[in-house]
Amino acid sequence: MTSIFHNLHNKTILITGANSGIGRSTAFEFARSSPEGLKLVLTARRVDRLDEISRQISAEVGEKVRICVRKLDVSKVEEVSALVEGLDEGFNKDVDVLVNNAAFMSGFERAPDIPLDVIESVWATNVIGVINMTQSVLKGMKKRGKGDIIMIGSNAGRYAYVGGSIYCASEAAVRSFTQSLSKELIATRIRVMTVDPGQVLTEFKDIRHRFDKEKADAVYAGCDPLTPDDVAEIIVFAASRRENVVVADTLLYPSHQASSTDIYRKL
């Protein structure tokens, strides 16, 4: 019996924020699931990490997977605009699957005390960056008449919480953009899909708590959160279905969580 993952063979997958966490796990999961002719475009601000990930993937699955590493800050419009045109030969304008994973948040301040630089950085990365990345890749997809756009959101885009107003607003904005996009592309073979994880243990928690390890660790005390690999499996599953199957909207929680505010802690 042929594996369903053959649907990924010879495709080009572009992942933003691929240097750690969900993005890194997603790169490995794609490579392991479909090593025949797969092309991975790994982007992030930390190129040294991407280079190491590229070496690790090649060592594990061999040369059947081609990898293109590019430095990219999605909050920089000029970097997003130049990305697709600047890819290696064989990758140019050929992105089959875009995984919009890069995101940012720092702190838990409440209005009117939210720092202006946090507001600007969150919006530039989580909203404008996602929209610009989508538009850049979508041009080629529309010419070819097919492709996948996968938004890695958060349950925070569905359920707001105290101290999360800017982050929740940014995720809700992308959720609305995604819903509109799916309707606009309904007559095409371009699939628009959302994966919204709940509590996941990644470096994001450290950045969110401004590297205060004690506070960051306290959030996960008594809990068994999702891992980046858990989320990556869902992303690759969605992308590997046959073209007529759209895993449109996935909400993913660890067993102790029911929303962004409803968390059971085992004592």
C-alpha atoms as a PDB file:
ATOM      1  CA  MET A   1       0.000   0.000   0.000  1.00  0.00           C
ATOM      2  CA  THR A   2       1.372   3.417  -0.998  1.00  0.00           C
ATOM      3  CA  SER A   3       1.881   5.849   1.882  1.00  0.00           C
ATOM      4  CA  ILE A   4      -0.344   8.919   1.840  1.00  0.00           C
ATOM      5  CA  PHE A   5       2.845  10.941   2.251  1.00  0.00           C
ATOM      6  CA  HIS A   6       3.666  10.329  -1.426  1.00  0.00           C
ATOM      7  CA  ASN A   7       1.527  13.442  -2.006  1.00  0.00           C
ATOM      8  CA  LEU A   8       4.493  15.453  -0.711  1.00  0.00           C
ATOM      9  CA  HIS A   9       7.041  14.005  -3.109  1.00  0.00           C
ATOM     10  CA  ASN A  10       8.951  16.597  -5.162  1.00  0.00           C
ATOM     11  CA  LYS A  11       7.239  19.496  -3.404  1.00  0.00           C
ATOM     12  CA  THR A  12       8.900  22.653  -2.094  1.00  0.00           C
ATOM     13  CA  ILE A  13       8.041  23.517   1.527  1.00  0.00           C
ATOM     14  CA  LEU A  14       8.822  26.986   2.918  1.00  0.00           C
ATOM     15  CA  ILE A  15       8.843  27.323   6.694  1.00  0.00           C
ATOM     16  CA  THR A  16       9.233  30.612   8.558  1.00  0.00           C
ATOM     17  CA  GLY A  17      10.706  30.628  12.061  1.00  0.00           C
ATOM     18  CA  ALA A  18      12.350  27.280  11.291  1.00  0.00           C
ATOM     19  CA  ASN A  19      15.302  27.719  13.663  1.00  0.00           C
ATOM     20  CA  SER A  20      13.589  26.349  16.781  1.00  0.00           C
ATOM     21  CA  GLY A  21      10.400  24.992  18.316  1.00  0.00           C
ATOM     22  CA  ILE A  22       7.500  24.124  16.031  1.00  0.00           C
ATOM     23  CA  GLY A  23       9.289  25.362  12.907  1.00  0.00           C
ATOM     24  CA  ARG A  24      12.319  23.162  13.525  1.00  0.00           C
ATOM     25  CA  SER A  25      10.199  20.096  14.303  1.00  0.00           C
ATOM     26  CA  THR A  26       8.111  20.721  11.196  1.00  0.00           C
ATOM     27  CA  ALA A  27      11.220  20.722   8.999  1.00  0.00           C
ATOM     28  CA  PHE A  28      12.291  17.340  10.391  1.00  0.00           C
ATOM     29  CA  GLU A  29       8.780  15.894  10.136  1.00  0.00           C
ATOM     30  CA  PHE A  30       8.442  16.831   6.467  1.00  0.00           C
ATOM     31  CA  ALA A  31      11.877  15.383   5.711  1.00  0.00           C
ATOM     32  CA  ARG A  32      11.156  12.122   7.531  1.00  0.00           C
ATOM     33  CA  SER A  33       7.702  11.693   6.021  1.00  0.00           C
ATOM     34  CA  SER A  34       8.559  12.260   2.386  1.00  0.00           C
ATOM     35  CA  PRO A  35      12.252  12.106   1.507  1.00  0.00           C
ATOM     36  CA  GLU A  36      11.721  11.535  -2.234  1.00  0.00           C
ATOM     37  CA  GLY A  37      12.559  14.733  -4.095  1.00  0.00           C
ATOM     38  CA  LEU A  38      11.429  17.001  -1.248  1.00  0.00           C
ATOM     39  CA  LYS A  39      12.778  20.559  -1.156  1.00  0.00           C
ATOM     40  CA  LEU A  40      12.855  22.493   2.116  1.00  0.00           C
ATOM     41  CA  VAL A  41      13.270  26.261   2.351  1.00  0.00           C
ATOM     42  CA  LEU A  42      14.172  27.024   5.967  1.00  0.00           C
ATOM     43  CA  THR A  43      13.997  30.660   7.030  1.00  0.00           C
ATOM     44  CA  ALA A  44      14.623  32.521  10.284  1.00  0.00           C
ATOM     45  CA  ARG A  45      16.743  35.303  11.713  1.00  0.00           C
ATOM     46  CA  ARG A  46      19.316  32.854  13.162  1.00  0.00           C
ATOM     47  CA  VAL A  47      21.068  31.390  10.108  1.00  0.00           C
ATOM     48  CA  ASP A  48      23.627  29.527  12.221  1.00  0.00           C
ATOM     49  CA  ARG A  49      20.831  27.456  13.712  1.00  0.00           C
ATOM     50  CA  LEU A  50      19.319  26.824  10.284  1.00  0.00           C
ATOM     51  CA  ASP A  51      22.664  25.600   8.964  1.00  0.00           C
ATOM     52  CA  GLU A  52      22.913  23.128  11.836  1.00  0.00           C
ATOM     53  CA  ILE A  53      19.355  21.905  11.264  1.00  0.00           C
ATOM     54  CA  SER A  54      20.146  21.460   7.577  1.00  0.00           C
ATOM     55  CA  ARG A  55      23.189  19.338   8.435  1.00  0.00           C
ATOM     56  CA  GLN A  56      21.191  17.228  10.885  1.00  0.00           C
ATOM     57  CA  ILE A  57      18.391  16.563   8.378  1.00  0.00           C
ATOM     58  CA  SER A  58      20.875  15.629   5.648  1.00  0.00           C
ATOM     59  CA  ALA A  59      22.683  13.276   8.007  1.00  0.00           C
ATOM     60  CA  GLU A  60      19.392  11.576   8.890  1.00  0.00           C
ATOM     61  CA  VAL A  61      17.593  11.252   5.538  1.00  0.00           C
ATOM     62  CA  GLY A  62      20.402  11.709   3.034  1.00  0.00           C
ATOM     63  CA  GLU A  63      20.516  13.679  -0.198  1.00  0.00           C
ATOM     64  CA  LYS A  64      16.948  12.919  -1.265  1.00  0.00           C
ATOM     65  CA  VAL A  65      15.915  16.135   0.494  1.00  0.00           C
ATOM     66  CA  ARG A  66      17.296  19.392  -0.898  1.00  0.00           C
ATOM     67  CA  ILE A  67      17.551  22.239   1.594  1.00  0.00           C
ATOM     68  CA  CYS A  68      17.805  25.972   0.997  1.00  0.00           C
ATOM     69  CA  VAL A  69      18.614  28.121   4.047  1.00  0.00           C
ATOM     70  CA  ARG A  70      17.786  31.816   4.043  1.00  0.00           C
ATOM     71  CA  LYS A  71      18.030  34.549   6.656  1.00  0.00           C
ATOM     72  CA  LEU A  72      14.620  36.153   7.032  1.00  0.00           C
ATOM     73  CA  ASP A  73      12.989  38.537   9.458  1.00  0.00           C
ATOM     74  CA  VAL A  74       9.327  38.469   8.419  1.00  0.00           C
ATOM     75  CA  SER A  75       8.777  41.862  10.031  1.00  0.00           C
ATOM     76  CA  LYS A  76      11.048  43.398   7.371  1.00  0.00           C
ATOM     77  CA  VAL A  77       8.983  43.989   4.238  1.00  0.00           C
ATOM     78  CA  GLU A  78      12.032  44.241   1.988  1.00  0.00           C
ATOM     79  CA  GLU A  79      13.358  40.852   3.146  1.00  0.00           C
ATOM     80  CA  VAL A  80      10.025  39.165   2.490  1.00  0.00           C
ATOM     81  CA  SER A  81       9.755  40.742  -0.962  1.00  0.00           C
ATOM     82  CA  ALA A  82      13.229  39.563  -1.972  1.00  0.00           C
ATOM     83  CA  LEU A  83      12.975  36.044  -0.565  1.00  0.00           C
ATOM     84  CA  VAL A  84      11.230  34.068  -3.314  1.00  0.00           C
ATOM     85  CA  GLU A  85      13.197  35.666  -6.144  1.00  0.00           C
ATOM     86  CA  GLY A  86      16.456  34.986  -4.307  1.00  0.00           C
ATOM     87  CA  LEU A  87      16.007  31.251  -3.748  1.00  0.00           C
ATOM     88  CA  ASP A  88      18.395  28.675  -5.169  1.00  0.00           C
ATOM     89  CA  GLU A  89      17.919  27.291  -8.673  1.00  0.00           C
ATOM     90  CA  GLY A  90      15.022  24.846  -8.670  1.00  0.00           C
ATOM     91  CA  PHE A  91      13.310  26.605  -5.779  1.00  0.00           C
ATOM     92  CA  ASN A  92      12.412  29.884  -7.535  1.00  0.00           C
ATOM     93  CA  LYS A  93       8.699  30.706  -7.498  1.00  0.00           C
ATOM     94  CA  ASP A  94       7.982  27.049  -6.877  1.00  0.00           C
ATOM     95  CA  VAL A  95       6.743  27.066  -3.293  1.00  0.00           C
ATOM     96  CA  ASP A  96       4.072  24.388  -2.935  1.00  0.00           C
ATOM     97  CA  VAL A  97       3.518  24.653   0.813  1.00  0.00           C
ATOM     98  CA  LEU A  98       3.960  27.771   2.952  1.00  0.00           C
ATOM     99  CA  VAL A  99       4.061  27.228   6.720  1.00  0.00           C
ATOM    100  CA  ASN A 100       3.562  30.630   8.366  1.00  0.00           C
ATOM    101  CA  ASN A 101       5.111  29.799  11.724  1.00  0.00           C
ATOM    102  CA  ALA A 102       7.198  32.821  12.802  1.00  0.00           C
ATOM    103  CA  ALA A 103       5.652  34.723  15.722  1.00  0.00           C
ATOM    104  CA  PHE A 104       6.691  36.996  18.576  1.00  0.00           C
ATOM    105  CA  MET A 105       5.471  38.187  21.958  1.00  0.00           C
ATOM    106  CA  SER A 106       7.205  39.743  24.947  1.00  0.00           C
ATOM    107  CA  GLY A 107       5.669  40.473  28.329  1.00  0.00           C
ATOM    108  CA  PHE A 108       2.195  40.551  29.884  1.00  0.00           C
ATOM    109  CA  GLU A 109       1.554  44.278  30.335  1.00  0.00           C
ATOM    110  CA  ARG A 110      -2.019  45.538  30.217  1.00  0.00           C
ATOM    111  CA  ALA A 111      -3.278  48.697  28.539  1.00  0.00           C
ATOM    112  CA  PRO A 112      -2.342  51.508  28.955  1.00  0.00           C
ATOM    113  CA  ASP A 113       1.077  50.193  30.023  1.00  0.00           C
ATOM    114  CA  ILE A 114       1.976  48.072  26.988  1.00  0.00           C
ATOM    115  CA  PRO A 115       5.358  49.279  25.638  1.00  0.00           C
ATOM    116  CA  LEU A 116       5.155  50.815  22.173  1.00  0.00           C
ATOM    117  CA  ASP A 117       8.067  48.729  20.904  1.00  0.00           C
ATOM    118  CA  VAL A 118       6.240  45.539  21.906  1.00  0.00           C
ATOM    119  CA  ILE A 119       3.073  46.639  20.109  1.00  0.00           C
ATOM    120  CA  GLU A 120       5.007  47.473  16.947  1.00  0.00           C
ATOM    121  CA  SER A 121       7.135  44.301  16.992  1.00  0.00           C
ATOM    122  CA  VAL A 122       4.194  41.973  17.617  1.00  0.00           C
ATOM    123  CA  TRP A 123       2.097  43.520  14.887  1.00  0.00           C
ATOM    124  CA  ALA A 124       4.970  43.675  12.396  1.00  0.00           C
ATOM    125  CA  THR A 125       5.818  39.999  12.906  1.00  0.00           C
ATOM    126  CA  ASN A 126       2.533  38.281  13.714  1.00  0.00           C
ATOM    127  CA  VAL A 127       0.209  40.178  11.395  1.00  0.00           C
ATOM    128  CA  ILE A 128       1.986  42.213   8.718  1.00  0.00           C
ATOM    129  CA  GLY A 129       4.709  39.578   8.356  1.00  0.00           C
ATOM    130  CA  VAL A 130       2.192  36.776   7.872  1.00  0.00           C
ATOM    131  CA  ILE A 131       0.171  38.768   5.351  1.00  0.00           C
ATOM    132  CA  ASN A 132       3.246  39.806   3.370  1.00  0.00           C
ATOM    133  CA  MET A 133       4.635  36.249   3.330  1.00  0.00           C
ATOM    134  CA  THR A 134       1.302  34.917   2.163  1.00  0.00           C
ATOM    135  CA  GLN A 135       0.973  37.472  -0.617  1.00  0.00           C
ATOM    136  CA  SER A 136       4.540  36.859  -1.801  1.00  0.00           C
ATOM    137  CA  VAL A 137       4.105  33.087  -2.125  1.00  0.00           C
ATOM    138  CA  LEU A 138       0.480  33.220  -3.256  1.00  0.00           C
ATOM    139  CA  LYS A 139       1.409  34.887  -6.543  1.00  0.00           C
ATOM    140  CA  GLY A 140       3.193  31.755  -7.739  1.00  0.00           C
ATOM    141  CA  MET A 141       0.510  29.457  -6.385  1.00  0.00           C
ATOM    142  CA  LYS A 142      -2.203  31.289  -8.319  1.00  0.00           C
ATOM    143  CA  LYS A 143      -0.197  31.005 -11.533  1.00  0.00           C
ATOM    144  CA  ARG A 144       0.175  27.252 -11.015  1.00  0.00           C
ATOM    145  CA  GLY A 145      -3.399  26.924  -9.779  1.00  0.00           C
ATOM    146  CA  LYS A 146      -2.558  25.027  -6.588  1.00  0.00           C
ATOM    147  CA  GLY A 147      -0.668  25.126  -3.303  1.00  0.00           C
ATOM    148  CA  ASP A 148      -1.047  25.029   0.475  1.00  0.00           C
ATOM    149  CA  ILE A 149      -0.946  27.902   2.957  1.00  0.00           C
ATOM    150  CA  ILE A 150      -0.753  26.711   6.557  1.00  0.00           C
ATOM    151  CA  MET A 151      -1.139  29.251   9.343  1.00  0.00           C
ATOM    152  CA  ILE A 152       0.343  28.310  12.714  1.00  0.00           C
ATOM    153  CA  GLY A 153      -1.810  30.324  15.048  1.00  0.00           C
ATOM    154  CA  SER A 154      -2.752  29.924  18.690  1.00  0.00           C
ATOM    155  CA  ASN A 155      -5.781  29.258  20.824  1.00  0.00           C
ATOM    156  CA  ALA A 156      -5.137  32.848  21.975  1.00  0.00           C
ATOM    157  CA  GLY A 157      -6.690  33.963  18.695  1.00  0.00           C
ATOM    158  CA  ARG A 158      -9.956  32.381  19.798  1.00  0.00           C
ATOM    159  CA  TYR A 159      -9.959  32.970  23.568  1.00  0.00           C
ATOM    160  CA  ALA A 160      -8.575  36.237  24.936  1.00  0.00           C
ATOM    161  CA  TYR A 161      -6.961  36.333  28.356  1.00  0.00           C
ATOM    162  CA  VAL A 162      -5.752  38.894  30.884  1.00  0.00           C
ATOM    163  CA  GLY A 163      -2.286  40.186  30.024  1.00  0.00           C
ATOM    164  CA  GLY A 164      -2.526  38.951  26.453  1.00  0.00           C
ATOM    165  CA  SER A 165      -4.399  41.750  24.716  1.00  0.00           C
ATOM    166  CA  ILE A 166      -1.813  42.517  22.008  1.00  0.00           C
ATOM    167  CA  TYR A 167      -0.839  38.899  21.376  1.00  0.00           C
ATOM    168  CA  CYS A 168      -4.472  37.738  21.341  1.00  0.00           C
ATOM    169  CA  ALA A 169      -5.401  40.602  19.023  1.00  0.00           C
ATOM    170  CA  SER A 170      -2.592  39.713  16.615  1.00  0.00           C
ATOM    171  CA  GLU A 171      -3.621  36.057  16.475  1.00  0.00           C
ATOM    172  CA  ALA A 172      -7.288  36.999  16.044  1.00  0.00           C
ATOM    173  CA  ALA A 173      -6.342  39.325  13.174  1.00  0.00           C
ATOM    174  CA  VAL A 174      -4.530  36.522  11.356  1.00  0.00           C
ATOM    175  CA  ARG A 175      -7.466  34.208  11.990  1.00  0.00           C
ATOM    176  CA  SER A 176      -9.809  36.689  10.286  1.00  0.00           C
ATOM    177  CA  PHE A 177      -7.353  37.154   7.413  1.00  0.00           C
ATOM    178  CA  THR A 178      -7.171  33.372   7.018  1.00  0.00           C
ATOM    179  CA  GLN A 179     -10.937  32.954   6.966  1.00  0.00           C
ATOM    180  CA  SER A 180     -11.299  35.644   4.301  1.00  0.00           C
ATOM    181  CA  LEU A 181      -8.465  34.148   2.263  1.00  0.00           C
ATOM    182  CA  SER A 182     -10.043  30.698   2.248  1.00  0.00           C
ATOM    183  CA  LYS A 183     -13.271  32.159   0.885  1.00  0.00           C
ATOM    184  CA  GLU A 184     -11.437  34.184  -1.762  1.00  0.00           C
ATOM    185  CA  LEU A 185      -9.612  31.078  -2.976  1.00  0.00           C
ATOM    186  CA  ILE A 186     -12.559  28.688  -2.782  1.00  0.00           C
ATOM    187  CA  ALA A 187     -12.715  28.273  -6.581  1.00  0.00           C
ATOM    188  CA  THR A 188      -9.050  27.253  -6.787  1.00  0.00           C
ATOM    189  CA  ARG A 189      -7.000  24.249  -5.676  1.00  0.00           C
ATOM    190  CA  ILE A 190      -5.144  26.420  -3.173  1.00  0.00           C
ATOM    191  CA  ARG A 191      -5.820  25.114   0.311  1.00  0.00           C
ATOM    192  CA  VAL A 192      -5.811  27.454   3.312  1.00  0.00           C
ATOM    193  CA  MET A 193      -5.407  25.682   6.651  1.00  0.00           C
ATOM    194  CA  THR A 194      -5.020  26.694  10.293  1.00  0.00           C
ATOM    195  CA  VAL A 195      -3.336  24.841  13.147  1.00  0.00           C
ATOM    196  CA  ASP A 196      -3.979  26.497  16.513  1.00  0.00           C
ATOM    197  CA  PRO A 197      -2.016  24.877  19.370  1.00  0.00           C
ATOM    198  CA  GLY A 198      -2.653  25.415  23.037  1.00  0.00           C
ATOM    199  CA  GLN A 199       0.161  25.176  25.556  1.00  0.00           C
ATOM    200  CA  VAL A 200       3.389  24.094  23.812  1.00  0.00           C
ATOM    201  CA  LEU A 201       6.808  23.886  25.445  1.00  0.00           C
ATOM    202  CA  THR A 202       9.151  25.926  23.219  1.00  0.00           C
ATOM    203  CA  GLU A 203      11.572  28.840  23.502  1.00  0.00           C
ATOM    204  CA  PHE A 204       8.555  31.087  23.005  1.00  0.00           C
ATOM    205  CA  LYS A 205       7.808  30.835  26.742  1.00  0.00           C
ATOM    206  CA  ASP A 206      11.260  32.183  27.600  1.00  0.00           C
ATOM    207  CA  ILE A 207      10.940  35.094  25.182  1.00  0.00           C
ATOM    208  CA  ARG A 208       7.430  35.800  26.461  1.00  0.00           C
ATOM    209  CA  HIS A 209       8.745  36.000  30.038  1.00  0.00           C
ATOM    210  CA  ARG A 210      11.797  38.013  28.949  1.00  0.00           C
ATOM    211  CA  PHE A 211      14.090  35.154  29.936  1.00  0.00           C
ATOM    212  CA  ASP A 212      12.970  35.070  33.553  1.00  0.00           C
ATOM    213  CA  LYS A 213      13.349  31.289  33.907  1.00  0.00           C
ATOM    214  CA  GLU A 214      11.552  31.044  37.247  1.00  0.00           C
ATOM    215  CA  LYS A 215       8.414  32.737  35.913  1.00  0.00           C
ATOM    216  CA  ALA A 216       8.532  30.860  32.616  1.00  0.00           C
ATOM    217  CA  ASP A 217       8.868  27.463  34.303  1.00  0.00           C
ATOM    218  CA  ALA A 218       6.021  28.241  36.716  1.00  0.00           C
ATOM    219  CA  VAL A 219       3.563  28.381  33.793  1.00  0.00           C
ATOM    220  CA  TYR A 220       4.241  24.710  33.061  1.00  0.00           C
ATOM    221  CA  ALA A 221       4.483  23.466  36.649  1.00  0.00           C
ATOM    222  CA  GLY A 222       2.216  20.451  37.195  1.00  0.00           C
ATOM    223  CA  CYS A 223       1.384  20.294  33.475  1.00  0.00           C
ATOM    224  CA  ASP A 224       2.323  18.077  30.556  1.00  0.00           C
ATOM    225  CA  PRO A 225       2.296  20.515  27.614  1.00  0.00           C
ATOM    226  CA  LEU A 226       2.354  19.718  23.926  1.00  0.00           C
ATOM    227  CA  THR A 227       5.747  19.299  22.306  1.00  0.00           C
ATOM    228  CA  PRO A 228       6.788  20.918  19.013  1.00  0.00           C
ATOM    229  CA  ASP A 229       6.787  17.412  17.502  1.00  0.00           C
ATOM    230  CA  ASP A 230       3.103  17.006  18.426  1.00  0.00           C
ATOM    231  CA  VAL A 231       2.210  20.105  16.438  1.00  0.00           C
ATOM    232  CA  ALA A 232       4.535  19.250  13.553  1.00  0.00           C
ATOM    233  CA  GLU A 233       2.771  15.919  13.048  1.00  0.00           C
ATOM    234  CA  ILE A 234      -0.551  17.728  12.546  1.00  0.00           C
ATOM    235  CA  ILE A 235       0.991  20.211  10.101  1.00  0.00           C
ATOM    236  CA  VAL A 236       2.510  17.492   7.924  1.00  0.00           C
ATOM    237  CA  PHE A 237      -0.663  15.415   8.128  1.00  0.00           C
ATOM    238  CA  ALA A 238      -2.689  18.357   6.797  1.00  0.00           C
ATOM    239  CA  ALA A 239      -0.256  19.070   3.962  1.00  0.00           C
ATOM    240  CA  SER A 240      -0.021  15.435   2.898  1.00  0.00           C
ATOM    241  CA  ARG A 241      -3.729  14.800   2.257  1.00  0.00           C
ATOM    242  CA  ARG A 242      -4.864  14.467  -1.347  1.00  0.00           C
ATOM    243  CA  GLU A 243      -5.633  17.795  -2.995  1.00  0.00           C
ATOM    244  CA  ASN A 244      -9.401  17.584  -2.507  1.00  0.00           C
ATOM    245  CA  VAL A 245      -9.106  17.172   1.274  1.00  0.00           C
ATOM    246  CA  VAL A 246      -8.782  20.375   3.305  1.00  0.00           C
ATOM    247  CA  VAL A 247      -7.941  20.059   6.998  1.00  0.00           C
ATOM    248  CA  ALA A 248      -9.219  23.590   7.340  1.00  0.00           C
ATOM    249  CA  ASP A 249      -9.124  24.299  11.057  1.00  0.00           C
ATOM    250  CA  THR A 250      -7.368  22.360  13.818  1.00  0.00           C
ATOM    251  CA  LEU A 251      -7.441  23.266  17.522  1.00  0.00           C
ATOM    252  CA  LEU A 252      -4.835  21.306  19.442  1.00  0.00           C
ATOM    253  CA  TYR A 253      -4.626  21.042  23.252  1.00  0.00           C
ATOM    254  CA  PRO A 254      -2.743  19.010  25.846  1.00  0.00           C
ATOM    255  CA  SER A 255      -5.164  16.977  27.952  1.00  0.00           C
ATOM    256  CA  HIS A 256      -5.077  19.411  30.892  1.00  0.00           C
ATOM    257  CA  GLN A 257      -6.227  22.415  28.831  1.00  0.00           C
ATOM    258  CA  ALA A 258      -9.632  23.445  27.452  1.00  0.00           C
ATOM    259  CA  SER A 259      -8.921  27.059  26.464  1.00  0.00           C
ATOM    260  CA  SER A 260      -6.247  29.679  26.956  1.00  0.00           C
ATOM    261  CA  THR A 261      -7.499  30.257  30.503  1.00  0.00           C
ATOM    262  CA  ASP A 262      -8.894  26.841  31.510  1.00  0.00           C
ATOM    263  CA  ILE A 263      -5.900  24.800  32.667  1.00  0.00           C
ATOM    264  CA  TYR A 264      -6.027  21.922  35.149  1.00  0.00           C
ATOM    265  CA  ARG A 265      -2.874  21.523  37.223  1.00  0.00           C
ATOM    266  CA  LYS A 266      -2.272  18.192  38.867  1.00  0.00           C
ATOM    267  CA  LEU A 267      -1.241  18.668  42.480  1.00  0.00           C
END
